[in-house]
Amino acid sequence: MLKKLKNRHKGETVWIIGKGKSLAKLKRSDIGEGPVIAIYEAIVPVEILGFPNSLYCLQKDGGSMKRHPLTMSPECDYRKCIYCAGVVLPEKATLLQHRAEARYCFEDYSPRYLFTLREIGLKKNEFSLVCAIKIAQLMGCVKFRLVSCDAHAIGSNEHFLPLFSSDYYDWIFDLQKKILPTYLEGIDYEWVTPS
């Protein structure tokens, strides 16, 4: 439960690190004071750079056998493993995972918090960037710096890291670009694209 994190970073600026191609150029100078929430694989360069800030790693979706929040398929309920395909274990960051999708991924890792959509103020399942924004709001953050979220900052799905097929990115980006403006409305945010 994220109750322990409520207002932990009240009044601060959060740095949410996405998985755009500019992630390869990320430098310590691209991140200011405040908590850092790295999404999935983005935790690797963030931890390599040794950010001194409060560091969080959002691994929302879980592995290949995850419990899907729409169908509530029970596959993940019986999967006990050391490594879940599709997620990255941080070295020291606080791990944030969606209870319905990643309950058993890295369950022995500490510190680790499971969250529900309702707990972070979502009525339905949304993509990881939206969840990171909502978690930061729960933590009391008032400014949002979206780093290496290149596709959204630039407006083109050609800026995703090439981890999946271009068909996947066409579909996911079309969906995300319709949803994201709702969650950015009324908040103090800026895009940061390392170069």
Protein backbone atom coordinates (compact mmCIF):
# COMPACT_ATOMS: atom_id res chain seq x y z
CA MET A 1 0.00 0.00 0.00
CA LEU A 2 1.22 3.46 -0.88
CA LYS A 3 -0.24 5.10 2.25
CA LYS A 4 3.29 5.38 3.67
CA LEU A 5 4.30 7.49 0.66
CA LYS A 6 1.35 9.91 0.88
CA ASN A 7 2.70 13.48 0.93
CA ARG A 8 6.28 12.22 1.37
CA HIS A 9 7.39 14.70 -1.32
CA LYS A 10 4.90 17.47 -0.62
CA GLY A 11 5.59 20.59 -2.69
CA GLU A 12 8.47 19.00 -4.61
CA THR A 13 9.23 18.57 -8.31
CA VAL A 14 9.09 14.98 -9.57
CA TRP A 15 11.28 13.75 -12.42
CA ILE A 16 9.52 10.95 -14.32
CA ILE A 17 11.93 9.10 -16.61
CA GLY A 18 10.40 7.48 -19.70
CA LYS A 19 11.83 5.13 -22.31
CA GLY A 20 12.39 7.37 -25.32
CA LYS A 21 15.52 7.20 -27.44
CA SER A 22 16.93 10.25 -25.62
CA LEU A 23 17.33 8.01 -22.56
CA ALA A 24 20.68 6.96 -24.09
CA LYS A 25 21.86 10.58 -23.66
CA LEU A 26 20.59 11.05 -20.10
CA LYS A 27 23.02 12.94 -17.84
CA ARG A 28 22.83 13.84 -14.17
CA SER A 29 22.43 17.48 -15.21
CA ASP A 30 19.10 16.59 -16.90
CA ILE A 31 17.56 15.90 -13.48
CA GLY A 32 17.05 18.50 -10.77
CA GLU A 33 16.11 18.27 -7.11
CA GLY A 34 13.19 16.08 -6.13
CA PRO A 35 12.11 12.46 -6.38
CA VAL A 36 12.79 10.42 -9.51
CA ILE A 37 10.35 7.82 -10.85
CA ALA A 38 11.93 5.66 -13.57
CA ILE A 39 9.58 3.59 -15.72
CA TYR A 40 10.65 -0.02 -16.38
CA GLU A 41 14.04 -0.27 -18.15
CA ALA A 42 14.72 3.42 -17.55
CA ILE A 43 15.84 2.46 -14.04
CA VAL A 44 19.08 0.99 -15.43
CA PRO A 45 20.70 4.24 -16.69
CA VAL A 46 19.22 6.18 -13.78
CA GLU A 47 20.87 3.89 -11.24
CA ILE A 48 24.13 3.83 -13.23
CA LEU A 49 24.27 7.62 -13.03
CA GLY A 50 23.84 7.38 -9.26
CA PHE A 51 21.14 9.97 -8.67
CA PRO A 52 21.14 11.00 -5.01
CA ASN A 53 17.42 11.85 -5.04
CA SER A 54 14.65 9.68 -3.66
CA LEU A 55 14.55 7.02 -6.35
CA TYR A 56 11.53 4.95 -7.38
CA CYS A 57 11.10 2.31 -10.09
CA LEU A 58 7.62 1.80 -11.54
CA GLN A 59 7.18 -1.76 -12.84
CA LYS A 60 3.43 -1.52 -13.30
CA ASP A 61 2.50 -4.27 -15.75
CA GLY A 62 4.31 -7.28 -14.36
CA GLY A 63 5.78 -10.09 -16.39
CA SER A 64 4.63 -12.21 -19.27
CA MET A 65 2.26 -14.19 -17.02
CA LYS A 66 0.75 -11.12 -15.37
CA ARG A 67 -2.79 -10.90 -14.06
CA HIS A 68 -4.56 -8.83 -16.68
CA PRO A 69 -6.73 -6.16 -15.00
CA LEU A 70 -9.48 -6.36 -17.61
CA THR A 71 -9.95 -10.12 -17.73
CA MET A 72 -8.60 -10.76 -14.20
CA SER A 73 -7.01 -13.92 -15.58
CA PRO A 74 -5.49 -15.76 -12.60
CA GLU A 75 -2.26 -16.85 -14.35
CA CYS A 76 0.01 -14.73 -12.17
CA ASP A 77 -1.60 -15.97 -8.96
CA TYR A 78 0.21 -19.29 -9.36
CA ARG A 79 3.50 -18.02 -10.75
CA LYS A 80 6.30 -17.89 -8.21
CA CYS A 81 9.56 -16.98 -9.89
CA ILE A 82 12.83 -15.16 -9.31
CA TYR A 83 12.59 -13.21 -12.56
CA CYS A 84 9.47 -12.06 -14.40
CA ALA A 85 10.06 -11.63 -18.12
CA GLY A 86 9.37 -8.06 -19.20
CA VAL A 87 10.26 -6.27 -15.97
CA VAL A 88 13.59 -5.05 -14.61
CA LEU A 89 14.75 -5.48 -11.04
CA PRO A 90 16.26 -2.27 -9.66
CA GLU A 91 19.42 -2.36 -7.56
CA LYS A 92 18.32 0.02 -4.79
CA ALA A 93 15.32 2.08 -5.90
CA THR A 94 11.97 1.74 -4.15
CA LEU A 95 9.89 -0.60 -6.31
CA LEU A 96 6.31 0.43 -7.17
CA GLN A 97 4.06 -2.29 -8.62
CA HIS A 98 0.39 -2.57 -9.56
CA ARG A 99 -1.17 -5.14 -7.25
CA ALA A 100 -3.43 -6.71 -9.88
CA GLU A 101 -0.72 -7.12 -12.50
CA ALA A 102 2.61 -7.55 -10.69
CA ARG A 103 1.78 -8.89 -7.25
CA TYR A 104 4.31 -11.74 -7.44
CA CYS A 105 7.07 -10.03 -9.38
CA PHE A 106 10.10 -9.56 -7.12
CA GLU A 107 8.00 -10.09 -4.01
CA ASP A 108 11.13 -10.48 -1.85
CA TYR A 109 12.61 -7.15 -2.99
CA SER A 110 12.69 -4.34 -0.46
CA PRO A 111 11.61 -1.58 -0.38
CA ARG A 112 8.56 -2.52 -2.45
CA TYR A 113 5.06 -1.07 -2.50
CA LEU A 114 2.03 -2.56 -4.23
CA PHE A 115 -0.67 -0.13 -5.28
CA THR A 116 -4.21 -0.33 -6.57
CA LEU A 117 -5.64 1.92 -9.27
CA ARG A 118 -8.21 3.24 -6.83
CA GLU A 119 -5.48 4.14 -4.32
CA ILE A 120 -3.78 6.42 -6.86
CA GLY A 121 -7.04 7.97 -8.01
CA LEU A 122 -7.70 6.07 -11.23
CA LYS A 123 -11.11 4.68 -12.16
CA LYS A 124 -9.66 2.43 -14.86
CA ASN A 125 -6.33 0.95 -15.86
CA GLU A 126 -4.03 3.43 -17.63
CA PHE A 127 -0.53 3.24 -19.06
CA SER A 128 2.58 3.61 -16.92
CA LEU A 129 3.25 7.32 -17.50
CA VAL A 130 -0.24 8.18 -16.24
CA CYS A 131 0.27 5.92 -13.20
CA ALA A 132 3.62 7.63 -12.48
CA ILE A 133 1.92 11.05 -12.59
CA LYS A 134 -0.86 9.87 -10.27
CA ILE A 135 1.63 8.29 -7.82
CA ALA A 136 3.65 11.54 -7.78
CA GLN A 137 0.45 13.46 -7.01
CA LEU A 138 -0.27 11.08 -4.13
CA MET A 139 3.28 11.78 -2.88
CA GLY A 140 2.42 15.49 -2.89
CA CYS A 141 4.51 16.58 -5.88
CA VAL A 142 3.38 19.83 -7.50
CA LYS A 143 5.72 20.10 -10.52
CA PHE A 144 6.19 17.36 -13.08
CA ARG A 145 9.24 17.05 -15.35
CA LEU A 146 8.74 14.32 -17.93
CA VAL A 147 12.19 13.18 -19.04
CA SER A 148 12.88 11.04 -22.13
CA CYS A 149 9.15 10.72 -22.84
CA ASP A 150 10.16 11.51 -26.41
CA ALA A 151 7.15 10.25 -28.34
CA HIS A 152 4.83 12.51 -26.34
CA ALA A 153 7.23 15.46 -26.17
CA ILE A 154 7.92 15.37 -29.91
CA GLY A 155 4.59 13.93 -31.04
CA SER A 156 5.88 10.95 -32.99
CA ASN A 157 6.03 7.25 -32.19
CA GLU A 158 9.40 7.00 -33.98
CA HIS A 159 11.00 8.05 -30.71
CA PHE A 160 10.21 4.94 -28.65
CA LEU A 161 13.16 2.68 -27.84
CA PRO A 162 12.93 -0.14 -30.43
CA LEU A 163 11.97 -2.94 -28.05
CA PHE A 164 8.84 -4.09 -29.90
CA SER A 165 7.47 -4.01 -33.47
CA SER A 166 6.50 -0.73 -35.13
CA ASP A 167 2.88 -2.00 -35.35
CA TYR A 168 2.81 -2.20 -31.55
CA TYR A 169 4.10 1.36 -31.24
CA ASP A 170 1.59 2.66 -33.79
CA TRP A 171 -1.25 1.18 -31.73
CA ILE A 172 0.05 2.13 -28.29
CA PHE A 173 1.02 5.68 -29.24
CA ASP A 174 -2.35 6.38 -30.90
CA LEU A 175 -4.04 5.23 -27.70
CA GLN A 176 -1.73 7.11 -25.34
CA LYS A 177 -1.81 10.45 -27.16
CA LYS A 178 -5.61 10.53 -26.74
CA ILE A 179 -5.45 9.73 -23.02
CA LEU A 180 -2.46 11.72 -21.74
CA PRO A 181 -3.79 15.30 -22.20
CA THR A 182 -6.57 14.60 -19.68
CA TYR A 183 -3.99 13.86 -16.99
CA LEU A 184 -1.70 16.77 -17.89
CA GLU A 185 -4.50 19.33 -17.78
CA GLY A 186 -4.08 21.75 -14.91
CA ILE A 187 -0.67 20.51 -13.70
CA ASP A 188 2.71 22.25 -13.92
CA TYR A 189 4.63 20.03 -16.34
CA GLU A 190 7.53 20.29 -18.80
CA TRP A 191 9.07 17.88 -21.26
CA VAL A 192 12.82 17.29 -20.83
CA THR A 193 14.58 15.65 -23.78
CA PRO A 194 18.26 14.90 -23.10
CA SER A 195 20.58 15.74 -25.99
